[in-house]
Structures are given as C-alpha cells and as structure tokens.
C-alpha cells in the first residue's frame, strides 16, 4: 500500500520541530537518533496506521505554514 507518513499515527513531529520544519519527522518504527522520514514522500509501508482526519488536517495546515 502506498502511503504518506503525514497520515500515520506513528509519525512524530513535536519531538523534532527543527526537522519537521524541513518536511521530515521521526517514525516510531525507526527509533534511532538522527533517523528521519519525509512526511510527504509516497512510500510502501505495511505497518502504516492511519491517523485521525483531524490530526492529518492539522498536520497538513501546520506544514503548509512552516515549510519553505
């Protein structure tokens, strides 16, 4: 299944705000320090857990404001 990490409840943006402003986030499935994923790149992920629509909408609104 092709997904975007921005729609997953495993995505962590608040823990890495400087990276989030660059369009990157942490993933609970990749808990190592310094490992980030693009939040909008389409990827195959069998462990994707869809976040609530409210969460996804809020994330997209925030990203559109802060990402250059």
Protein backbone atom coordinates (compact mmCIF):
# COMPACT_ATOMS: atom_id res chain seq x y z
CA UNK A 1 0.00 0.00 0.00
CA UNK A 2 1.42 3.41 -0.96
CA UNK A 3 1.07 5.96 1.85
CA UNK A 4 2.47 9.25 3.12
CA UNK A 5 3.90 9.37 6.64
CA UNK A 6 1.95 12.55 7.37
CA UNK A 7 -1.19 10.37 7.52
CA UNK A 8 0.28 7.86 10.02
CA UNK A 9 -0.20 7.95 13.77
CA UNK A 10 3.38 6.68 14.21
CA UNK A 11 4.80 9.95 12.85
CA UNK A 12 6.47 12.17 15.44
CA UNK A 13 6.77 15.87 14.62
CA UNK A 14 6.75 17.53 18.04
CA UNK A 15 9.87 15.70 19.23
CA UNK A 16 11.91 17.06 16.31
CA UNK A 17 10.47 20.52 15.48
CA UNK A 18 13.54 21.74 13.58
CA UNK A 19 13.41 18.74 11.27
CA UNK A 20 9.62 18.97 10.95
CA UNK A 21 10.03 22.46 9.50
CA UNK A 22 12.16 20.86 6.77
CA UNK A 23 9.44 18.30 5.97
CA UNK A 24 10.93 15.45 7.99
CA UNK A 25 9.71 13.57 11.03
CA UNK A 26 10.52 10.72 13.32
CA UNK A 27 8.92 7.31 12.98
CA UNK A 28 8.16 5.03 15.92
CA UNK A 29 9.30 2.14 13.72
CA UNK A 30 12.75 3.77 13.33
CA UNK A 31 13.55 4.84 16.89
CA UNK A 32 17.25 5.57 16.32
CA UNK A 33 18.53 9.09 16.90
CA UNK A 34 19.13 11.05 13.72
CA UNK A 35 16.89 8.89 11.52
CA UNK A 36 14.08 10.82 9.86
CA UNK A 37 11.50 10.18 7.15
CA UNK A 38 9.98 12.54 4.61
CA UNK A 39 6.46 13.26 5.75
CA UNK A 40 5.03 13.63 2.24
CA UNK A 41 7.05 11.21 0.09
CA UNK A 42 4.85 8.34 -1.17
CA UNK A 43 6.21 5.06 0.20
CA UNK A 44 5.27 1.44 0.75
CA UNK A 45 4.66 0.69 4.45
CA UNK A 46 2.90 -2.43 5.64
CA UNK A 47 2.78 -1.08 9.23
CA UNK A 48 1.07 2.24 8.43
CA UNK A 49 -1.64 3.15 10.97
CA UNK A 50 -3.91 5.86 9.63
CA UNK A 51 -4.18 8.83 12.00
CA UNK A 52 -7.49 10.57 12.58
CA UNK A 53 -8.65 13.00 9.93
CA UNK A 54 -8.46 15.80 12.50
CA UNK A 55 -4.78 15.01 13.11
CA UNK A 56 -3.95 14.75 9.41
CA UNK A 57 -5.72 18.02 8.63
CA UNK A 58 -3.91 19.81 11.45
CA UNK A 59 -0.55 18.43 10.30
CA UNK A 60 -1.10 19.50 6.70
CA UNK A 61 -2.14 23.00 7.80
CA UNK A 62 0.92 23.35 10.04
CA UNK A 63 3.30 22.09 7.34
CA UNK A 64 1.86 24.48 4.76
CA UNK A 65 2.61 27.38 7.14
CA UNK A 66 6.17 26.46 8.16
CA UNK A 67 7.72 24.59 5.24
CA UNK A 68 9.64 26.88 2.88
